Protein backbone atom coordinates (compact mmCIF):
# COMPACT_ATOMS: atom_id res chain seq x y z
CA MET A 1 -15.98 9.32 10.26
CA GLY A 2 -13.27 11.53 9.16
CA GLU A 3 -12.33 13.81 5.94
CA GLY A 4 -10.18 11.95 4.62
CA TYR A 5 -6.79 12.26 2.79
CA ASP A 6 -6.12 16.43 2.42
CA PRO A 7 -5.23 16.87 -0.81
CA GLY A 8 -3.34 19.99 0.19
CA PHE A 9 -1.58 18.77 3.32
CA LEU A 10 1.91 19.20 1.75
CA HIS A 11 4.05 22.25 0.73
CA ALA A 12 3.19 21.45 -3.23
CA ALA A 13 -0.83 19.92 -3.57
CA LEU A 14 -1.33 16.70 -4.60
CA ASP A 15 -4.69 14.78 -4.95
CA LEU A 16 -5.44 11.54 -4.20
CA PRO A 17 -4.50 9.42 -7.02
CA GLY A 18 -7.28 7.04 -8.93
CA PRO A 19 -8.08 3.88 -11.73
CA ASP A 20 -9.48 4.53 -14.72
CA ALA A 21 -12.25 1.46 -13.29
CA PRO A 22 -15.02 2.87 -11.32
CA THR A 23 -14.01 2.93 -7.37
CA LEU A 24 -16.02 3.98 -4.24
CA LEU A 25 -14.48 6.79 -2.19
CA LEU A 26 -14.59 6.05 1.39
CA ASP A 27 -12.29 8.73 4.04
CA TYR A 28 -11.69 7.80 6.66
CA THR A 29 -9.29 10.11 9.84
CA HIS A 30 -6.69 11.55 7.96
CA PHE A 31 -6.42 9.04 5.31
CA SER A 32 -8.50 7.15 1.76
CA VAL A 33 -9.76 4.30 0.16
CA ARG A 34 -10.19 3.83 -2.78
CA LEU A 35 -12.21 0.29 -3.03
CA SER A 36 -12.41 -1.53 -6.49
CA PRO A 37 -16.19 -3.14 -6.07
CA ALA A 38 -15.00 -5.38 -9.05
CA ARG A 39 -11.72 -7.12 -7.15
CA ARG A 40 -13.56 -6.68 -3.18
CA LEU A 41 -10.36 -4.37 -2.60
CA ALA A 42 -8.70 -0.78 -2.27
CA ALA A 43 -7.54 0.30 -5.69
CA VAL A 44 -5.61 3.04 -3.24
CA THR A 45 -5.14 4.11 -0.44
CA GLY A 46 -3.55 7.59 0.58
CA VAL A 47 -2.75 8.50 4.23
CA ASN A 48 -1.36 12.21 5.83
CA ILE A 49 1.11 11.57 8.27
CA ASN A 50 2.49 14.52 10.70
CA GLY A 51 5.47 13.72 12.61
CA GLN A 52 5.18 16.47 14.70
CA THR A 53 1.83 15.15 16.33
CA LEU A 54 2.07 11.13 15.90
CA VAL A 55 0.42 9.08 19.51
CA PRO A 56 1.85 6.22 19.91
CA LEU A 57 -0.83 4.19 20.35
CA GLU A 58 -0.67 0.06 21.00
CA ARG A 59 -1.76 -1.84 18.65
CA GLU A 60 -5.55 -2.92 19.40
CA GLY A 61 -8.58 -2.59 17.17
CA THR A 62 -11.05 -4.31 16.04
CA TRP A 63 -11.54 -5.59 12.21
CA HIS A 64 -14.62 -4.26 10.48
CA PHE A 65 -16.93 -3.96 7.56
CA ASP A 66 -17.59 -0.35 6.30
CA PRO A 67 -21.36 0.11 7.31
CA ARG A 68 -21.62 2.42 4.64
CA VAL A 69 -20.60 -0.39 1.61
CA PRO A 70 -22.65 -3.21 1.40
CA GLN A 71 -20.64 -5.68 2.78
CA GLY A 72 -20.75 -8.31 -0.81
CA LEU A 73 -18.63 -5.60 -2.06
CA GLN A 74 -15.57 -6.09 0.70
CA THR A 75 -13.04 -8.79 1.56
CA GLY A 76 -14.20 -9.34 4.79
CA PRO A 77 -13.03 -12.42 7.61
CA ASP A 78 -14.37 -15.39 5.35
CA VAL A 79 -11.50 -14.88 3.00
CA TYR A 80 -9.00 -15.46 6.57
CA GLN A 81 -9.80 -18.09 8.16
CA HIS A 82 -8.74 -21.18 8.19
CA ASN A 83 -5.57 -20.78 6.66
CA ASP A 84 -2.43 -18.27 6.94
CA LEU A 85 -3.32 -15.21 4.99
CA ASP A 86 -3.00 -11.89 6.87
CA ARG A 87 -5.34 -8.88 6.51
CA GLY A 88 -2.58 -6.42 5.68
CA HIS A 89 -3.04 -2.79 6.47
CA LEU A 90 -2.53 -0.98 3.39
CA VAL A 91 -2.72 2.16 5.28
CA ARG A 92 -0.14 1.22 8.16
CA ARG A 93 -2.30 1.21 11.40
CA LEU A 94 0.36 4.05 13.32
CA ASP A 95 0.27 6.43 9.58
CA PRO A 96 -2.55 7.98 10.25
CA VAL A 97 -2.90 8.29 14.30
CA TRP A 98 -1.86 11.54 14.83
CA GLY A 99 -3.21 15.01 16.41
CA ASP A 100 -4.46 15.34 19.62
CA GLY A 101 -5.47 11.88 21.49
CA SER A 102 -9.47 11.57 21.03
CA THR A 103 -8.30 11.83 16.90
CA ALA A 104 -5.40 9.54 17.30
CA LEU A 105 -7.67 6.98 18.77
CA THR A 106 -10.57 7.15 15.89
CA ALA A 107 -8.34 7.27 13.22
CA ASN A 108 -6.21 3.55 14.82
CA GLN A 109 -9.91 1.70 14.61
CA ASP A 110 -10.14 3.41 11.35
CA THR A 111 -7.49 1.75 9.71
CA PHE A 112 -9.24 -1.60 11.49
CA SER A 113 -11.72 -1.26 8.19
CA TYR A 114 -11.63 -4.57 5.78
CA PRO A 115 -11.25 -2.04 2.86
CA ASN A 116 -7.96 -0.61 4.57
CA ALA A 117 -7.25 -4.93 4.55
CA ALA A 118 -6.16 -6.78 1.19
CA PRO A 119 -4.73 -10.67 2.42
CA GLN A 120 -0.92 -11.20 2.62
CA ALA A 121 1.19 -14.15 2.86
CA ALA A 122 1.22 -14.55 6.79
CA ALA A 123 5.01 -15.39 7.61
CA PHE A 124 6.99 -12.52 8.69
CA ASN A 125 11.04 -12.12 7.01
CA GLN A 126 13.15 -9.40 5.77
CA GLY A 127 10.59 -8.45 2.71
CA LYS A 128 7.90 -7.80 5.00
CA GLU A 129 9.99 -6.23 7.26
CA LEU A 130 11.91 -3.95 4.53
CA TRP A 131 8.04 -2.78 3.87
CA ALA A 132 6.90 -2.48 7.09
CA GLY A 133 9.95 0.17 7.61
CA LEU A 134 9.51 2.97 4.46
CA GLU A 135 7.48 4.77 5.87
CA ASP A 136 9.31 5.65 9.38
CA HIS A 137 12.35 5.48 7.09
CA VAL A 138 11.17 8.29 4.37
CA LEU A 139 9.85 10.08 7.68
CA ARG A 140 13.68 10.31 8.96
CA HIS A 141 13.94 11.84 5.62
CA ALA A 142 11.72 14.79 5.16
CA SER A 143 11.90 15.82 8.91
CA GLN A 144 14.87 18.10 8.22
CA TYR A 145 12.21 20.05 6.41
CA ASP A 146 8.72 20.32 7.65
CA ALA A 147 8.10 15.95 8.70
CA ARG A 148 5.28 15.65 6.61
CA ILE A 149 4.61 12.87 4.43
CA SER A 150 1.91 11.75 1.89
CA VAL A 151 1.78 7.50 0.98
CA PHE A 152 -0.34 6.34 -0.74
CA THR A 153 -0.43 2.58 -1.26
CA GLY A 154 -2.81 -0.11 -2.64
CA PRO A 155 -2.79 -3.76 -4.64
CA VAL A 156 -1.43 -4.76 -8.24
CA LEU A 157 -4.92 -6.11 -9.18
CA ASP A 158 -4.08 -8.17 -12.27
CA ALA A 159 -6.33 -9.72 -13.98
CA GLY A 160 -4.46 -12.84 -13.79
CA ASP A 161 -4.35 -13.10 -9.30
CA LEU A 162 -6.26 -16.53 -8.74
CA PRO A 163 -8.80 -16.95 -6.80
CA TYR A 164 -9.98 -17.57 -3.57
CA ARG A 165 -13.50 -17.55 -1.30
CA GLY A 166 -14.62 -15.35 -4.10
CA VAL A 167 -11.31 -12.80 -4.60
CA GLN A 168 -8.31 -13.10 -6.56
CA ILE A 169 -5.63 -12.30 -3.75
CA PRO A 170 -3.03 -10.44 -5.24
CA ARG A 171 0.45 -11.03 -5.71
CA LYS A 172 2.34 -7.66 -5.53
CA PHE A 173 1.57 -4.29 -3.71
CA TRP A 174 3.09 -1.05 -4.23
CA LYS A 175 3.61 2.05 -1.81
CA ILE A 176 4.61 5.60 -2.53
CA ALA A 177 5.63 7.90 -0.21
CA ALA A 178 5.63 11.64 -1.49
CA TRP A 179 6.84 15.08 0.36
CA THR A 180 9.13 18.39 -0.13
CA MET A 181 11.79 19.59 0.12
CA ASP A 182 11.85 23.35 0.30
CA GLY A 183 8.20 23.61 -1.04
CA VAL A 184 9.23 21.24 -4.11
CA LEU A 185 7.50 17.91 -4.42
CA ALA A 186 9.66 14.54 -3.95
CA ALA A 187 8.59 10.74 -4.53
CA ALA A 188 9.84 7.55 -4.07
CA GLY A 189 8.47 4.15 -5.42
CA PHE A 190 8.28 0.77 -3.70
CA LEU A 191 6.66 -2.14 -4.39
CA LEU A 192 6.58 -5.86 -2.54
CA ASP A 193 6.23 -8.97 -4.79
CA GLN A 194 5.03 -12.02 -2.89
CA SER A 195 5.05 -13.73 -6.28
CA PRO A 196 5.68 -17.60 -5.97
CA LEU A 197 9.48 -18.50 -6.64
CA LEU A 198 8.73 -21.67 -9.10
CA GLY A 199 9.24 -22.68 -12.25
CA PRO A 200 5.66 -23.58 -14.82
CA GLU A 201 5.40 -26.55 -14.32
CA GLU A 202 5.95 -26.33 -10.33
CA LEU A 203 3.60 -24.04 -9.77
CA ALA A 204 1.24 -25.77 -12.18
CA ARG A 205 1.30 -28.61 -10.32
CA MET A 206 0.63 -26.41 -7.04
CA VAL A 207 -2.30 -24.56 -7.94
CA ARG A 208 -3.85 -27.89 -9.51
CA LYS A 209 -3.02 -29.24 -5.68
CA ARG A 210 -5.07 -26.11 -4.48
CA LEU A 211 -7.87 -26.15 -6.15
CA LEU A 212 -7.80 -30.06 -4.99
CA ALA A 213 -7.47 -29.30 -1.30
CA GLU A 214 -9.26 -25.19 -1.53
CA GLU A 215 -6.68 -23.75 -0.51
CA PRO A 216 -5.22 -20.39 -0.70
CA PRO A 217 -2.97 -19.48 -3.71
CA PRO A 218 0.83 -19.86 -4.04
CA LEU A 219 2.17 -17.06 -2.10
CA GLY A 220 6.38 -16.87 -2.38
CA PRO A 221 8.31 -15.38 -0.11
CA PHE A 222 8.52 -10.99 0.32
CA ARG A 223 10.70 -9.71 -1.77
CA THR A 224 10.57 -5.29 -1.14
CA PHE A 225 12.46 -3.07 -4.40
CA GLN A 226 12.93 0.29 -4.57
CA VAL A 227 11.33 1.50 -8.59
CA PRO A 228 10.75 4.17 -11.22
CA ILE A 229 6.84 5.65 -10.46
CA ALA A 230 6.48 4.99 -14.16
CA ASN A 231 6.76 1.22 -13.67
CA ILE A 232 3.84 0.88 -11.71
CA ALA A 233 1.61 3.28 -13.39
CA ALA A 234 2.13 1.32 -15.96
CA LEU A 235 1.41 -2.31 -13.87
CA THR A 236 -1.72 -0.72 -12.52
CA GLY A 237 -3.18 1.66 -15.00
CA ILE A 238 -3.40 4.91 -12.85
CA ASP A 239 -2.24 7.99 -13.72
CA LEU A 240 1.24 8.73 -11.49
CA ALA A 241 2.61 11.40 -13.67
CA ARG A 242 2.24 13.66 -11.15
CA LEU A 243 4.71 11.18 -8.62
CA ALA A 244 6.94 10.18 -11.12
CA ASP A 245 7.68 13.73 -12.15
CA ALA A 246 8.81 13.79 -8.17
CA ASP A 247 11.27 10.47 -8.24
CA ARG A 248 13.66 10.24 -6.55
CA LEU A 249 14.80 7.56 -7.93
CA ALA A 250 15.80 8.76 -11.22
CA ALA A 251 16.95 12.05 -10.18
CA GLY A 252 20.42 12.48 -11.23
CA VAL A 253 19.81 10.52 -14.38
CA PRO A 254 20.98 12.38 -17.61
CA GLU A 255 18.22 13.46 -19.83
CA GLY A 256 16.66 11.15 -22.58
CA ALA A 257 18.88 7.39 -20.19
CA PRO A 258 15.71 5.58 -18.37
CA GLY A 259 14.31 7.17 -15.38
CA GLY A 260 15.98 4.63 -12.94
CA ALA A 261 16.59 0.57 -12.54
CA ALA A 262 14.38 -1.34 -9.78
CA LEU A 263 16.23 -1.54 -7.16
CA ALA A 264 16.53 -4.82 -4.14
CA LEU A 265 16.43 -3.90 -0.81
CA THR A 266 18.11 -6.09 2.01
CA ASP A 267 18.79 -2.91 3.90
CA LEU A 268 16.83 0.73 4.51
CA ARG A 269 19.75 1.99 4.34
CA GLN A 270 19.99 0.90 0.27
CA VAL A 271 17.40 3.91 -0.24
CA ARG A 272 17.40 6.39 -3.01
CA LEU A 273 16.27 9.05 -1.59
């Protein structure tokens, strides 16, 4: 396995955040995962992206358990069989794929480790497409400085997430991109919400039907938002104070005013950096 997320990758040092709950730190090539044994999913992932030396490898890789962790603590293939759940990469496959050819190949395969996956609705729509393009959009912005960004991603591990085959299925995911501007840290936070767009009675009926049929929990369309990083901290219980202080969404907000409001995204041009 690789040396993992590098806190000194940007001009401004930035540690990999983590929750108060116990996690297992797993280092891979150019990224790290803090795995929650209680949820069998990552609580936080962190990746360093060097835009100047990215290698455009084709999508090839084999999903596999991480041999350093008991398989019972990982969400493996059983959760994804015979349903419409995708193995959603948390660290995007292309993000750590940089450097020399051998390193890039190793990084590519490392992203197919089950601790880097989380169940997501399989339907591809505009919200999911926006989510997939966020790193590229921020990297293009950062390229005028040093073409390096660090990205932190994870599911919102809510106690109310519904169980399926022994795993509670997250309804929301978060992402924070960080870069430096003239040596000063900048950051932007995003939320992907796939909660079902149903009223309480409709949702209750669907949940009862799901339990009888042993189906995955109901998930709605992908909706992507830029949100204050302080909101992500409140949702996840993770200390993100350093990133919240660098939040570009709150830039220009008068002192004492709320630190920016959630912005529903339908186009990457709406992102505030």
